[in-house]
Amino acid sequence: MNPQEYAELADRIRPAFMAKLREEKLPADQEEPLCRAYLPLADWVHGQKTVGKPLLLGVNGAQGSGKSTLCAFLQLILAEAYGYRVTGFSIDDIYLTRAERERLGRETHPLLVTRGVPGTHDIALGRQTLQKLFDPAGGPVAIPAFDKALDDRRPQTEWTEYEGPADIVIFEGWCVGAKPQAEAELSEPVNPLERDEDSDGIWRSYVNRQLQGPYADLSGQIDRLIMLKVPDMECVYEWRSLQEQKLAGKTALTDGKQRTMDAESLRRFIMNYERITRHTLAEMPGRADLTLFLDHNHQFTNPDTLP
């Protein structure tokens, strides 16, 4: 995208872009740096789209990396600037219900009650949703939704509907496109949670098998994969902590119970994700179609190098 094309595109979508900034509760001075990153990125996605063929775009990034914000602006730009019918959802939206995870915890391993790792998602629901979104016959498609404050899936009456078919679907999540580890890599625990609560390795072996099977089948449908690469695990904790604070600020539960996490609970929660996050940070940049590197200030290291 040359400078003139960039300027023309930025001018054309500015009203919608500024509205999205307000919706995402981002300051107005973020318009220029976000445009500088997201407009070339959207143009790259446009270049990956084959005429007459839908595109499934996978977006991987650790907790707190900014996947949701990136995907929201990508959807906006692809629709406003290129005229695509575009929608998306997160792997978080297809978590198993609380009751389903509690049953899995009783039957397989107690750690599977905690949402997040492979094995705690309804992969069949994800495949069905994608199939309906790309169905040439079109029609309304209910997009699953999960309430993290309640730690349970929302009732289907609260799911949003998208009128298909879609040209582009953006599927994002912390383990989207993740690969399993070699069996030998599972032997040593990576943190106190694995050491104390999975000393026999049953939980991590189960999770790894899920990546080898149903999750690999779902990832195999992805046409292009973008990775948001965070600098290290400490950034994951810091940035996910900010998300939890925002969630606590807007959560008002009628029963008066606070279901967001304090600092200690959050650090334990992230330990569930640590093994796959570390593995993905090490191996995915070498195979993702596009890797966007973030610095410790949560900024792209050099947005001018984006496509």
C-alpha atoms as a PDB file:
ATOM      1  CA  MET A   1       0.000   0.000   0.000  1.00  0.00           C
ATOM      2  CA  ASN A   2       1.632   3.256  -1.128  1.00  0.00           C
ATOM      3  CA  PRO A   3       1.339   6.486   0.930  1.00  0.00           C
ATOM      4  CA  GLN A   4      -1.421   7.943  -1.263  1.00  0.00           C
ATOM      5  CA  GLU A   5      -3.523   4.767  -1.047  1.00  0.00           C
ATOM      6  CA  TYR A   6      -2.984   4.688   2.696  1.00  0.00           C
ATOM      7  CA  ALA A   7      -4.117   8.308   3.112  1.00  0.00           C
ATOM      8  CA  GLU A   8      -7.184   7.818   0.931  1.00  0.00           C
ATOM      9  CA  LEU A   9      -8.190   4.687   2.817  1.00  0.00           C
ATOM     10  CA  ALA A  10      -7.670   6.363   6.201  1.00  0.00           C
ATOM     11  CA  ASP A  11      -9.841   9.313   5.163  1.00  0.00           C
ATOM     12  CA  ARG A  12     -12.590   7.063   3.829  1.00  0.00           C
ATOM     13  CA  ILE A  13     -12.988   5.007   6.983  1.00  0.00           C
ATOM     14  CA  ARG A  14     -12.184   7.719   9.572  1.00  0.00           C
ATOM     15  CA  PRO A  15     -15.766   8.227  10.878  1.00  0.00           C
ATOM     16  CA  ALA A  16     -16.288   4.496  11.378  1.00  0.00           C
ATOM     17  CA  PHE A  17     -12.764   4.076  12.781  1.00  0.00           C
ATOM     18  CA  MET A  18     -13.280   6.830  15.360  1.00  0.00           C
ATOM     19  CA  ALA A  19     -16.629   5.326  16.339  1.00  0.00           C
ATOM     20  CA  LYS A  20     -14.912   1.989  16.910  1.00  0.00           C
ATOM     21  CA  LEU A  21     -12.254   3.689  19.055  1.00  0.00           C
ATOM     22  CA  ARG A  22     -15.022   5.066  21.276  1.00  0.00           C
ATOM     23  CA  GLU A  23     -16.774   1.699  21.374  1.00  0.00           C
ATOM     24  CA  GLU A  24     -13.532  -0.004  22.444  1.00  0.00           C
ATOM     25  CA  LYS A  25     -12.961   2.791  25.009  1.00  0.00           C
ATOM     26  CA  LEU A  26      -9.630   3.728  23.436  1.00  0.00           C
ATOM     27  CA  PRO A  27      -8.320   7.322  23.464  1.00  0.00           C
ATOM     28  CA  ALA A  28      -8.660   9.380  20.282  1.00  0.00           C
ATOM     29  CA  ASP A  29      -4.877   9.812  20.055  1.00  0.00           C
ATOM     30  CA  GLN A  30      -4.641   6.103  19.239  1.00  0.00           C
ATOM     31  CA  GLU A  31      -6.141   6.710  15.789  1.00  0.00           C
ATOM     32  CA  GLU A  32      -2.813   7.307  14.040  1.00  0.00           C
ATOM     33  CA  PRO A  33      -0.760   4.431  15.542  1.00  0.00           C
ATOM     34  CA  LEU A  34      -3.630   1.961  15.160  1.00  0.00           C
ATOM     35  CA  CYS A  35      -4.312   3.043  11.584  1.00  0.00           C
ATOM     36  CA  ARG A  36      -0.609   2.689  10.814  1.00  0.00           C
ATOM     37  CA  ALA A  37      -0.751  -0.931  12.005  1.00  0.00           C
ATOM     38  CA  TYR A  38      -4.245  -2.090  11.089  1.00  0.00           C
ATOM     39  CA  LEU A  39      -4.726  -0.577   7.630  1.00  0.00           C
ATOM     40  CA  PRO A  40      -1.728  -2.391   6.070  1.00  0.00           C
ATOM     41  CA  LEU A  41      -2.776  -5.530   7.937  1.00  0.00           C
ATOM     42  CA  ALA A  42      -6.291  -5.371   6.484  1.00  0.00           C
ATOM     43  CA  ASP A  43      -4.791  -4.795   3.046  1.00  0.00           C
ATOM     44  CA  TRP A  44      -2.664  -7.909   3.522  1.00  0.00           C
ATOM     45  CA  VAL A  45      -5.786  -9.930   4.424  1.00  0.00           C
ATOM     46  CA  HIS A  46      -7.498  -8.522   1.330  1.00  0.00           C
ATOM     47  CA  GLY A  47      -4.560  -9.815  -0.723  1.00  0.00           C
ATOM     48  CA  GLN A  48      -5.038 -13.330   0.684  1.00  0.00           C
ATOM     49  CA  LYS A  49      -8.690 -13.482  -0.358  1.00  0.00           C
ATOM     50  CA  THR A  50      -9.465 -15.495  -3.490  1.00  0.00           C
ATOM     51  CA  VAL A  51     -12.427 -14.239  -5.507  1.00  0.00           C
ATOM     52  CA  GLY A  52     -15.422 -16.488  -5.039  1.00  0.00           C
ATOM     53  CA  LYS A  53     -13.881 -18.445  -2.152  1.00  0.00           C
ATOM     54  CA  PRO A  54     -14.457 -17.683   1.550  1.00  0.00           C
ATOM     55  CA  LEU A  55     -11.462 -17.082   3.815  1.00  0.00           C
ATOM     56  CA  LEU A  56     -11.048 -18.366   7.373  1.00  0.00           C
ATOM     57  CA  LEU A  57      -8.482 -16.194   9.124  1.00  0.00           C
ATOM     58  CA  GLY A  58      -7.009 -17.530  12.363  1.00  0.00           C
ATOM     59  CA  VAL A  59      -5.567 -15.103  14.919  1.00  0.00           C
ATOM     60  CA  ASN A  60      -3.413 -16.486  17.725  1.00  0.00           C
ATOM     61  CA  GLY A  61      -2.134 -14.528  20.693  1.00  0.00           C
ATOM     62  CA  ALA A  62      -1.501 -15.088  24.380  1.00  0.00           C
ATOM     63  CA  GLN A  63      -3.934 -13.822  26.986  1.00  0.00           C
ATOM     64  CA  GLY A  64      -4.070 -10.034  27.066  1.00  0.00           C
ATOM     65  CA  SER A  65      -2.161  -9.623  23.787  1.00  0.00           C
ATOM     66  CA  GLY A  66      -4.914  -7.570  22.131  1.00  0.00           C
ATOM     67  CA  LYS A  67      -6.491 -10.163  19.849  1.00  0.00           C
ATOM     68  CA  SER A  68     -10.046  -8.942  20.390  1.00  0.00           C
ATOM     69  CA  THR A  69      -9.171  -5.326  19.613  1.00  0.00           C
ATOM     70  CA  LEU A  70      -7.193  -6.275  16.523  1.00  0.00           C
ATOM     71  CA  CYS A  71     -10.027  -8.467  15.236  1.00  0.00           C
ATOM     72  CA  ALA A  72     -12.651  -5.795  15.887  1.00  0.00           C
ATOM     73  CA  PHE A  73     -10.749  -3.255  13.789  1.00  0.00           C
ATOM     74  CA  LEU A  74      -9.941  -5.806  11.092  1.00  0.00           C
ATOM     75  CA  GLN A  75     -13.634  -6.585  10.731  1.00  0.00           C
ATOM     76  CA  LEU A  76     -14.419  -2.875  10.489  1.00  0.00           C
ATOM     77  CA  ILE A  77     -11.765  -2.083   7.863  1.00  0.00           C
ATOM     78  CA  LEU A  78     -12.430  -5.155   5.735  1.00  0.00           C
ATOM     79  CA  ALA A  79     -16.123  -4.286   5.628  1.00  0.00           C
ATOM     80  CA  GLU A  80     -15.849  -0.492   5.246  1.00  0.00           C
ATOM     81  CA  ALA A  81     -12.872  -0.308   2.890  1.00  0.00           C
ATOM     82  CA  TYR A  82     -13.206  -3.479   0.839  1.00  0.00           C
ATOM     83  CA  GLY A  83     -16.906  -4.271   1.033  1.00  0.00           C
ATOM     84  CA  TYR A  84     -16.491  -7.775   2.452  1.00  0.00           C
ATOM     85  CA  ARG A  85     -19.150  -9.550   4.446  1.00  0.00           C
ATOM     86  CA  VAL A  86     -17.075 -10.321   7.510  1.00  0.00           C
ATOM     87  CA  THR A  87     -17.715 -11.616  10.995  1.00  0.00           C
ATOM     88  CA  GLY A  88     -15.855 -13.575  13.625  1.00  0.00           C
ATOM     89  CA  PHE A  89     -15.839 -15.188  17.016  1.00  0.00           C
ATOM     90  CA  SER A  90     -13.389 -16.336  19.652  1.00  0.00           C
ATOM     91  CA  ILE A  91     -12.490 -19.838  20.740  1.00  0.00           C
ATOM     92  CA  ASP A  92     -13.506 -18.507  24.173  1.00  0.00           C
ATOM     93  CA  ASP A  93     -17.090 -18.311  22.888  1.00  0.00           C
ATOM     94  CA  ILE A  94     -17.258 -22.082  22.482  1.00  0.00           C
ATOM     95  CA  TYR A  95     -16.142 -23.113  25.963  1.00  0.00           C
ATOM     96  CA  LEU A  96     -17.996 -26.072  27.370  1.00  0.00           C
ATOM     97  CA  THR A  97     -20.668 -25.122  29.865  1.00  0.00           C
ATOM     98  CA  ARG A  98     -19.798 -25.077  33.546  1.00  0.00           C
ATOM     99  CA  ALA A  99     -21.763 -28.285  34.089  1.00  0.00           C
ATOM    100  CA  GLU A 100     -19.967 -30.027  31.215  1.00  0.00           C
ATOM    101  CA  ARG A 101     -16.568 -29.031  32.584  1.00  0.00           C
ATOM    102  CA  GLU A 102     -17.501 -30.176  36.076  1.00  0.00           C
ATOM    103  CA  ARG A 103     -18.431 -33.567  34.662  1.00  0.00           C
ATOM    104  CA  LEU A 104     -15.127 -33.671  32.755  1.00  0.00           C
ATOM    105  CA  GLY A 105     -13.349 -32.819  35.985  1.00  0.00           C
ATOM    106  CA  ARG A 106     -14.971 -35.722  37.776  1.00  0.00           C
ATOM    107  CA  GLU A 107     -14.425 -38.233  34.987  1.00  0.00           C
ATOM    108  CA  THR A 108     -10.976 -37.251  33.673  1.00  0.00           C
ATOM    109  CA  HIS A 109      -9.082 -34.745  35.850  1.00  0.00           C
ATOM    110  CA  PRO A 110     -10.116 -32.004  38.320  1.00  0.00           C
ATOM    111  CA  LEU A 111      -8.081 -29.339  36.505  1.00  0.00           C
ATOM    112  CA  LEU A 112     -10.403 -29.617  33.493  1.00  0.00           C
ATOM    113  CA  VAL A 113     -13.087 -27.749  35.429  1.00  0.00           C
ATOM    114  CA  THR A 114     -11.042 -24.609  34.766  1.00  0.00           C
ATOM    115  CA  ARG A 115     -11.860 -23.165  31.344  1.00  0.00           C
ATOM    116  CA  GLY A 116      -9.122 -22.516  28.843  1.00  0.00           C
ATOM    117  CA  VAL A 117      -7.005 -25.496  27.877  1.00  0.00           C
ATOM    118  CA  PRO A 118      -7.734 -27.738  24.900  1.00  0.00           C
ATOM    119  CA  GLY A 119     -10.403 -30.166  25.994  1.00  0.00           C
ATOM    120  CA  THR A 120     -12.555 -27.478  27.616  1.00  0.00           C
ATOM    121  CA  HIS A 121     -14.078 -26.242  24.335  1.00  0.00           C
ATOM    122  CA  ASP A 122     -17.009 -27.522  22.299  1.00  0.00           C
ATOM    123  CA  ILE A 123     -15.098 -28.132  19.081  1.00  0.00           C
ATOM    124  CA  ALA A 124     -18.162 -29.596  17.348  1.00  0.00           C
ATOM    125  CA  LEU A 125     -20.019 -26.337  18.034  1.00  0.00           C
ATOM    126  CA  GLY A 126     -17.123 -24.388  16.530  1.00  0.00           C
ATOM    127  CA  ARG A 127     -17.104 -26.493  13.365  1.00  0.00           C
ATOM    128  CA  GLN A 128     -20.887 -26.238  13.016  1.00  0.00           C
ATOM    129  CA  THR A 129     -20.775 -22.462  13.412  1.00  0.00           C
ATOM    130  CA  LEU A 130     -18.089 -22.077  10.751  1.00  0.00           C
ATOM    131  CA  GLN A 131     -19.953 -24.385   8.378  1.00  0.00           C
ATOM    132  CA  LYS A 132     -23.126 -22.325   8.728  1.00  0.00           C
ATOM    133  CA  LEU A 133     -21.291 -19.014   8.309  1.00  0.00           C
ATOM    134  CA  PHE A 134     -19.789 -20.188   5.026  1.00  0.00           C
ATOM    135  CA  ASP A 135     -22.923 -21.947   3.744  1.00  0.00           C
ATOM    136  CA  PRO A 136     -23.663 -20.409   0.298  1.00  0.00           C
ATOM    137  CA  ALA A 137     -27.377 -20.719   1.032  1.00  0.00           C
ATOM    138  CA  GLY A 138     -27.000 -18.036   3.681  1.00  0.00           C
ATOM    139  CA  GLY A 139     -29.512 -17.354   6.398  1.00  0.00           C
ATOM    140  CA  PRO A 140     -29.227 -16.377  10.069  1.00  0.00           C
ATOM    141  CA  VAL A 141     -26.409 -17.949  12.083  1.00  0.00           C
ATOM    142  CA  ALA A 142     -26.362 -17.832  15.891  1.00  0.00           C
ATOM    143  CA  ILE A 143     -22.865 -16.946  17.137  1.00  0.00           C
ATOM    144  CA  PRO A 144     -22.054 -18.655  20.463  1.00  0.00           C
ATOM    145  CA  ALA A 145     -21.233 -16.456  23.450  1.00  0.00           C
ATOM    146  CA  PHE A 146     -19.607 -17.149  26.819  1.00  0.00           C
ATOM    147  CA  ASP A 147     -19.910 -15.066  29.993  1.00  0.00           C
ATOM    148  CA  LYS A 148     -16.501 -15.046  31.688  1.00  0.00           C
ATOM    149  CA  ALA A 149     -17.811 -13.300  34.790  1.00  0.00           C
ATOM    150  CA  LEU A 150     -20.329 -16.102  35.314  1.00  0.00           C
ATOM    151  CA  ASP A 151     -17.891 -18.728  33.953  1.00  0.00           C
ATOM    152  CA  ASP A 152     -20.620 -20.257  31.841  1.00  0.00           C
ATOM    153  CA  ARG A 153     -21.975 -20.185  28.317  1.00  0.00           C
ATOM    154  CA  ARG A 154     -24.719 -17.669  27.695  1.00  0.00           C
ATOM    155  CA  PRO A 155     -28.143 -19.088  26.818  1.00  0.00           C
ATOM    156  CA  GLN A 156     -28.727 -19.270  23.069  1.00  0.00           C
ATOM    157  CA  THR A 157     -31.421 -16.593  23.346  1.00  0.00           C
ATOM    158  CA  GLU A 158     -28.584 -14.136  24.119  1.00  0.00           C
ATOM    159  CA  TRP A 159     -26.355 -15.111  21.179  1.00  0.00           C
ATOM    160  CA  THR A 160     -26.045 -12.586  18.378  1.00  0.00           C
ATOM    161  CA  GLU A 161     -27.175 -13.535  14.896  1.00  0.00           C
ATOM    162  CA  TYR A 162     -25.242 -12.986  11.691  1.00  0.00           C
ATOM    163  CA  GLU A 163     -26.949 -13.113   8.324  1.00  0.00           C
ATOM    164  CA  GLY A 164     -24.739 -15.346   6.194  1.00  0.00           C
ATOM    165  CA  PRO A 165     -22.946 -16.228   4.124  1.00  0.00           C
ATOM    166  CA  ALA A 166     -19.697 -14.543   5.148  1.00  0.00           C
ATOM    167  CA  ASP A 167     -16.809 -13.739   2.812  1.00  0.00           C
ATOM    168  CA  ILE A 168     -14.298 -13.708   5.677  1.00  0.00           C
ATOM    169  CA  VAL A 169     -14.552 -15.187   9.163  1.00  0.00           C
ATOM    170  CA  ILE A 170     -11.964 -14.254  11.793  1.00  0.00           C
ATOM    171  CA  PHE A 171     -11.454 -16.994  14.392  1.00  0.00           C
ATOM    172  CA  GLU A 172      -9.283 -15.866  17.274  1.00  0.00           C
ATOM    173  CA  GLY A 173      -7.993 -17.372  20.489  1.00  0.00           C
ATOM    174  CA  TRP A 174      -4.982 -18.033  22.666  1.00  0.00           C
ATOM    175  CA  CYS A 175      -4.610 -21.622  21.411  1.00  0.00           C
ATOM    176  CA  VAL A 176      -5.952 -21.191  17.876  1.00  0.00           C
ATOM    177  CA  GLY A 177      -3.534 -23.015  15.587  1.00  0.00           C
ATOM    178  CA  ALA A 178      -1.462 -24.389  18.500  1.00  0.00           C
ATOM    179  CA  LYS A 179       0.508 -27.585  17.924  1.00  0.00           C
ATOM    180  CA  PRO A 180       0.909 -30.498  20.377  1.00  0.00           C
ATOM    181  CA  GLN A 181       4.216 -31.183  22.082  1.00  0.00           C
ATOM    182  CA  ALA A 182       6.326 -34.290  21.731  1.00  0.00           C
ATOM    183  CA  GLU A 183       5.500 -36.833  24.429  1.00  0.00           C
ATOM    184  CA  ALA A 184       8.942 -36.478  26.020  1.00  0.00           C
ATOM    185  CA  GLU A 185       8.349 -32.752  26.578  1.00  0.00           C
ATOM    186  CA  LEU A 186       5.420 -33.472  28.898  1.00  0.00           C
ATOM    187  CA  SER A 187       7.433 -35.231  31.588  1.00  0.00           C
ATOM    188  CA  GLU A 188       8.718 -32.191  33.492  1.00  0.00           C
ATOM    189  CA  PRO A 189       6.212 -29.764  35.071  1.00  0.00           C
ATOM    190  CA  VAL A 190       6.551 -26.139  33.943  1.00  0.00           C
ATOM    191  CA  ASN A 191       5.081 -24.547  37.099  1.00  0.00           C
ATOM    192  CA  PRO A 192       3.842 -25.329  40.627  1.00  0.00           C
ATOM    193  CA  LEU A 193       0.324 -26.102  39.414  1.00  0.00           C
ATOM    194  CA  GLU A 194       1.582 -28.942  37.204  1.00  0.00           C
ATOM    195  CA  ARG A 195       3.997 -30.125  39.880  1.00  0.00           C
ATOM    196  CA  ASP A 196       1.447 -30.219  42.714  1.00  0.00           C
ATOM    197  CA  GLU A 197      -1.868 -30.921  40.973  1.00  0.00           C
ATOM    198  CA  ASP A 198      -0.794 -32.965  37.947  1.00  0.00           C
ATOM    199  CA  SER A 199       2.170 -34.870  39.322  1.00  0.00           C
ATOM    200  CA  ASP A 200       1.296 -37.953  37.249  1.00  0.00           C
ATOM    201  CA  GLY A 201       0.881 -35.913  34.040  1.00  0.00           C
ATOM    202  CA  ILE A 202      -2.661 -37.136  33.338  1.00  0.00           C
ATOM    203  CA  TRP A 203      -4.033 -33.611  32.771  1.00  0.00           C
ATOM    204  CA  ARG A 204      -1.301 -32.351  30.476  1.00  0.00           C
ATOM    205  CA  SER A 205      -1.295 -35.591  28.487  1.00  0.00           C
ATOM    206  CA  TYR A 206      -5.051 -35.314  27.987  1.00  0.00           C
ATOM    207  CA  VAL A 207      -4.704 -31.698  26.839  1.00  0.00           C
ATOM    208  CA  ASN A 208      -1.918 -32.653  24.432  1.00  0.00           C
ATOM    209  CA  ARG A 209      -4.055 -35.418  22.905  1.00  0.00           C
ATOM    210  CA  GLN A 210      -6.815 -32.897  22.310  1.00  0.00           C
ATOM    211  CA  LEU A 211      -4.360 -30.767  20.325  1.00  0.00           C
ATOM    212  CA  GLN A 212      -3.382 -33.833  18.305  1.00  0.00           C
ATOM    213  CA  GLY A 213      -6.996 -34.695  17.493  1.00  0.00           C
ATOM    214  CA  PRO A 214     -10.093 -32.456  17.407  1.00  0.00           C
ATOM    215  CA  TYR A 215      -8.206 -29.161  17.703  1.00  0.00           C
ATOM    216  CA  ALA A 216      -5.910 -30.111  14.832  1.00  0.00           C
ATOM    217  CA  ASP A 217      -8.969 -30.875  12.719  1.00  0.00           C
ATOM    218  CA  LEU A 218     -10.425 -27.437  13.473  1.00  0.00           C
ATOM    219  CA  SER A 219      -7.113 -25.642  12.899  1.00  0.00           C
ATOM    220  CA  GLY A 220      -6.785 -27.466   9.604  1.00  0.00           C
ATOM    221  CA  GLN A 221      -9.675 -25.405   8.257  1.00  0.00           C
ATOM    222  CA  ILE A 222      -7.755 -22.138   8.747  1.00  0.00           C
ATOM    223  CA  ASP A 223      -6.624 -20.577   5.457  1.00  0.00           C
ATOM    224  CA  ARG A 224      -4.252 -17.971   6.911  1.00  0.00           C
ATOM    225  CA  LEU A 225      -2.805 -17.670  10.427  1.00  0.00           C
ATOM    226  CA  ILE A 226      -1.731 -14.430  12.121  1.00  0.00           C
ATOM    227  CA  MET A 227       0.191 -14.528  15.395  1.00  0.00           C
ATOM    228  CA  LEU A 228       0.421 -11.721  17.946  1.00  0.00           C
ATOM    229  CA  LYS A 229       3.691 -12.539  19.722  1.00  0.00           C
ATOM    230  CA  VAL A 230       4.105 -11.238  23.261  1.00  0.00           C
ATOM    231  CA  PRO A 231       7.614 -10.743  24.700  1.00  0.00           C
ATOM    232  CA  ASP A 232       7.321 -13.162  27.648  1.00  0.00           C
ATOM    233  CA  MET A 233       5.041 -14.812  30.203  1.00  0.00           C
ATOM    234  CA  GLU A 234       5.287 -11.909  32.645  1.00  0.00           C
ATOM    235  CA  CYS A 235       3.636  -9.665  30.054  1.00  0.00           C
ATOM    236  CA  VAL A 236       0.869 -12.246  29.754  1.00  0.00           C
ATOM    237  CA  TYR A 237       0.193 -11.910  33.477  1.00  0.00           C
ATOM    238  CA  GLU A 238       0.375  -8.106  33.496  1.00  0.00           C
ATOM    239  CA  TRP A 239      -1.832  -7.609  30.448  1.00  0.00           C
ATOM    240  CA  ARG A 240      -4.349 -10.270  31.476  1.00  0.00           C
ATOM    241  CA  SER A 241      -4.512  -8.595  34.899  1.00  0.00           C
ATOM    242  CA  LEU A 242      -5.569  -5.358  33.207  1.00  0.00           C
ATOM    243  CA  GLN A 243      -8.335  -7.260  31.431  1.00  0.00           C
ATOM    244  CA  GLU A 244      -9.551  -8.662  34.730  1.00  0.00           C
ATOM    245  CA  GLN A 245      -9.667  -5.171  36.229  1.00  0.00           C
ATOM    246  CA  LYS A 246     -11.803  -3.962  33.327  1.00  0.00           C
ATOM    247  CA  LEU A 247     -14.079  -6.967  33.700  1.00  0.00           C
ATOM    248  CA  ALA A 248     -14.481  -6.296  37.417  1.00  0.00           C
ATOM    249  CA  GLY A 249     -15.319  -2.672  36.690  1.00  0.00           C
ATOM    250  CA  LYS A 250     -18.223  -3.478  34.404  1.00  0.00           C
ATOM    251  CA  THR A 251     -19.561  -6.597  36.134  1.00  0.00           C
ATOM    252  CA  ALA A 252     -22.678  -6.178  38.209  1.00  0.00           C
ATOM    253  CA  LEU A 253     -24.082  -9.474  39.351  1.00  0.00           C
ATOM    254  CA  THR A 254     -27.588  -9.566  40.771  1.00  0.00           C
ATOM    255  CA  ASP A 255     -26.651 -12.085  43.452  1.00  0.00           C
ATOM    256  CA  GLY A 256     -23.940  -9.757  44.776  1.00  0.00           C
ATOM    257  CA  LYS A 257     -21.111 -12.244  44.239  1.00  0.00           C
ATOM    258  CA  GLN A 258     -17.898 -11.119  42.587  1.00  0.00           C
ATOM    259  CA  ARG A 259     -16.585 -13.756  40.205  1.00  0.00           C
ATOM    260  CA  THR A 260     -13.581 -11.907  38.828  1.00  0.00           C
ATOM    261  CA  MET A 261     -10.140 -12.983  40.072  1.00  0.00           C
ATOM    262  CA  ASP A 262      -7.742 -11.401  42.537  1.00  0.00           C
ATOM    263  CA  ALA A 263      -4.004 -11.338  41.803  1.00  0.00           C
ATOM    264  CA  GLU A 264      -3.241 -14.720  43.380  1.00  0.00           C
ATOM    265  CA  SER A 265      -6.161 -16.454  41.679  1.00  0.00           C
ATOM    266  CA  LEU A 266      -5.221 -14.916  38.334  1.00  0.00           C
ATOM    267  CA  ARG A 267      -1.622 -16.085  38.536  1.00  0.00           C
ATOM    268  CA  ARG A 268      -2.822 -19.611  39.288  1.00  0.00           C
ATOM    269  CA  PHE A 269      -5.327 -19.369  36.438  1.00  0.00           C
ATOM    270  CA  ILE A 270      -2.595 -18.407  33.970  1.00  0.00           C
ATOM    271  CA  MET A 271      -0.531 -21.424  35.052  1.00  0.00           C
ATOM    272  CA  ASN A 272      -3.170 -23.537  33.291  1.00  0.00           C
ATOM    273  CA  TYR A 273      -2.199 -21.809  30.038  1.00  0.00           C
ATOM    274  CA  GLU A 274       1.542 -21.562  30.574  1.00  0.00           C
ATOM    275  CA  ARG A 275       2.755 -24.801  28.959  1.00  0.00           C
ATOM    276  CA  ILE A 276       0.991 -24.277  25.641  1.00  0.00           C
ATOM    277  CA  THR A 277       1.694 -20.530  25.649  1.00  0.00           C
ATOM    278  CA  ARG A 278       5.445 -21.092  26.037  1.00  0.00           C
ATOM    279  CA  HIS A 279       5.438 -23.802  23.379  1.00  0.00           C
ATOM    280  CA  THR A 280       3.471 -21.627  20.960  1.00  0.00           C
ATOM    281  CA  LEU A 281       5.711 -18.586  21.529  1.00  0.00           C
ATOM    282  CA  ALA A 282       8.699 -20.744  20.640  1.00  0.00           C
ATOM    283  CA  GLU A 283       7.419 -22.572  17.561  1.00  0.00           C
ATOM    284  CA  MET A 284       4.558 -20.664  15.932  1.00  0.00           C
ATOM    285  CA  PRO A 285       6.495 -17.631  14.599  1.00  0.00           C
ATOM    286  CA  GLY A 286       8.322 -19.954  12.231  1.00  0.00           C
ATOM    287  CA  ARG A 287       5.153 -21.211  10.566  1.00  0.00           C
ATOM    288  CA  ALA A 288       2.492 -18.505  10.965  1.00  0.00           C
ATOM    289  CA  ASP A 289       1.632 -16.728   7.720  1.00  0.00           C
ATOM    290  CA  LEU A 290       2.225 -13.423   9.507  1.00  0.00           C
ATOM    291  CA  THR A 291       3.731 -12.700  12.943  1.00  0.00           C
ATOM    292  CA  LEU A 292       3.200  -9.331  14.641  1.00  0.00           C
ATOM    293  CA  PHE A 293       5.743  -8.707  17.404  1.00  0.00           C
ATOM    294  CA  LEU A 294       4.742  -6.733  20.517  1.00  0.00           C
ATOM    295  CA  ASP A 295       7.131  -4.976  22.900  1.00  0.00           C
ATOM    296  CA  HIS A 296       6.831  -4.635  26.681  1.00  0.00           C
ATOM    297  CA  ASN A 297       4.757  -1.466  26.225  1.00  0.00           C
ATOM    298  CA  HIS A 298       2.162  -3.426  24.257  1.00  0.00           C
ATOM    299  CA  GLN A 299       3.116  -1.732  21.006  1.00  0.00           C
ATOM    300  CA  PHE A 300       4.080  -3.280  17.683  1.00  0.00           C
ATOM    301  CA  THR A 301       7.871  -3.307  17.604  1.00  0.00           C
ATOM    302  CA  ASN A 302       7.956  -1.717  14.156  1.00  0.00           C
ATOM    303  CA  PRO A 303       4.553  -1.137  12.543  1.00  0.00           C
ATOM    304  CA  ASP A 304       6.207   0.260   9.415  1.00  0.00           C
ATOM    305  CA  THR A 305       7.374  -3.248   8.565  1.00  0.00           C
ATOM    306  CA  LEU A 306       3.815  -4.618   8.520  1.00  0.00           C
ATOM    307  CA  PRO A 307       2.603  -5.679   5.065  1.00  0.00           C
END
